[in-house]
Amino acid sequence: MELKLDTEKFDELQQLFVRELSEQVRFKLAQNGITGDQLRDLTLEITFSVASSIDDTAKIEVDGVAVSPYLTFRTADEELTHCGENSYGHEVVADINKQMFSK
């Protein structure tokens, strides 16, 4: 497996990934009766929390073992694309949430 540095492609894929996470959160909350401002706010909070964990900003430690995820995307059969540092999806959650709920 080849690890390829491509920040533009990574950014594009990360945006799509965070949007899909947010859509899934919104769908599950709505499916369980959450509506209106509460749906918008909970979607934002949950998606931000999940994205922060993926981005390794949550500082996860379990039983003394540090868990440090590093996000990559499969862009070909034997190729993973990364951005050269930790992902930063949590930074785009608010904008994505705003777009989702302005429809």
Protein backbone atom coordinates (compact mmCIF):
# COMPACT_ATOMS: atom_id res chain seq x y z
CA MET A 1 0.00 0.00 0.00
CA GLU A 2 1.40 3.38 -1.02
CA LEU A 3 0.86 6.44 1.17
CA LYS A 4 0.41 9.51 -1.05
CA LEU A 5 0.59 13.12 0.17
CA ASP A 6 -2.08 15.17 -1.64
CA THR A 7 -3.55 17.93 0.49
CA GLU A 8 -6.06 19.13 -2.12
CA LYS A 9 -7.53 15.66 -2.70
CA PHE A 10 -7.49 14.99 1.03
CA ASP A 11 -9.37 18.22 1.73
CA GLU A 12 -12.01 17.36 -0.87
CA LEU A 13 -12.50 13.85 0.51
CA GLN A 14 -12.50 15.03 4.12
CA GLN A 15 -15.27 17.54 3.33
CA LEU A 16 -17.34 14.77 1.73
CA PHE A 17 -16.65 12.45 4.67
CA VAL A 18 -17.67 15.00 7.31
CA ARG A 19 -20.79 15.91 5.30
CA GLU A 20 -21.79 12.23 5.20
CA LEU A 21 -21.14 11.84 8.95
CA SER A 22 -23.34 14.85 9.60
CA GLU A 23 -26.10 13.57 7.30
CA GLN A 24 -26.09 10.21 9.10
CA VAL A 25 -26.28 11.87 12.51
CA ARG A 26 -29.12 14.11 11.37
CA PHE A 27 -31.01 11.16 9.87
CA LYS A 28 -30.75 9.04 13.04
CA LEU A 29 -31.80 11.91 15.28
CA ALA A 30 -34.75 12.78 13.04
CA GLN A 31 -35.70 9.10 12.89
CA ASN A 32 -35.99 9.23 16.68
CA GLY A 33 -38.25 12.26 16.78
CA ILE A 34 -35.77 15.11 17.19
CA THR A 35 -36.82 18.18 15.18
CA GLY A 36 -36.21 21.90 14.68
CA ASP A 37 -33.46 23.76 16.52
CA GLN A 38 -32.75 20.75 18.70
CA LEU A 39 -32.08 18.63 15.60
CA ARG A 40 -29.74 21.28 14.20
CA ASP A 41 -27.87 21.77 17.49
CA LEU A 42 -27.51 18.07 18.33
CA THR A 43 -26.37 17.26 14.80
CA LEU A 44 -23.66 19.91 15.16
CA GLU A 45 -22.55 18.77 18.61
CA ILE A 46 -22.44 15.05 17.85
CA THR A 47 -20.73 15.48 14.47
CA PHE A 48 -18.16 17.85 16.01
CA SER A 49 -17.44 15.33 18.77
CA VAL A 50 -16.98 12.43 16.35
CA ALA A 51 -14.84 14.50 13.96
CA SER A 52 -12.67 15.68 16.88
CA SER A 53 -12.05 12.08 17.89
CA ILE A 54 -11.10 11.14 14.32
CA ASP A 55 -8.85 14.23 14.13
CA ASP A 56 -7.04 13.13 17.29
CA THR A 57 -7.94 16.34 19.11
CA ALA A 58 -9.96 14.47 21.74
CA LYS A 59 -6.84 12.93 23.35
CA ILE A 60 -8.30 9.45 23.75
CA GLU A 61 -6.73 7.17 26.34
CA VAL A 62 -8.15 3.84 27.44
CA ASP A 63 -6.61 1.91 30.32
CA GLY A 64 -3.36 3.81 29.91
CA VAL A 65 -3.17 3.20 26.15
CA ALA A 66 -3.13 6.32 23.99
CA VAL A 67 -5.32 6.02 20.90
CA SER A 68 -4.15 8.33 18.11
CA PRO A 69 -6.08 7.94 14.86
CA TYR A 70 -4.64 9.14 11.55
CA LEU A 71 -7.17 9.62 8.76
CA THR A 72 -6.37 8.53 5.23
CA PHE A 73 -8.58 7.88 2.21
CA ARG A 74 -8.27 5.03 -0.24
CA THR A 75 -7.92 6.73 -3.62
CA ALA A 76 -6.82 3.68 -5.62
CA ASP A 77 -6.53 -0.05 -5.01
CA GLU A 78 -3.10 0.23 -3.44
CA GLU A 79 -3.04 3.93 -2.52
CA LEU A 80 -3.95 5.88 0.62
CA THR A 81 -4.09 9.67 0.46
CA HIS A 82 -3.20 11.78 3.48
CA CYS A 83 -2.50 15.44 4.23
CA GLY A 84 0.83 15.08 6.05
CA GLU A 85 -0.64 15.79 9.49
CA ASN A 86 -3.71 14.99 11.56
CA SER A 87 -7.02 15.54 9.86
CA TYR A 88 -8.99 18.70 10.65
CA GLY A 89 -12.58 17.75 9.88
CA HIS A 90 -13.84 19.29 13.11
CA GLU A 91 -12.97 22.67 11.60
CA VAL A 92 -15.55 22.28 8.81
CA VAL A 93 -18.43 20.85 10.86
CA ALA A 94 -20.06 24.22 11.61
CA ASP A 95 -20.08 25.30 7.96
CA ILE A 96 -21.44 21.95 6.81
CA ASN A 97 -24.13 22.04 9.50
CA LYS A 98 -25.12 25.55 8.45
CA GLN A 99 -25.41 24.45 4.81
CA MET A 100 -27.41 21.35 5.72
CA PHE A 101 -29.97 23.26 7.74
CA SER A 102 -30.34 26.21 5.38
CA LYS A 103 -31.94 24.01 2.70
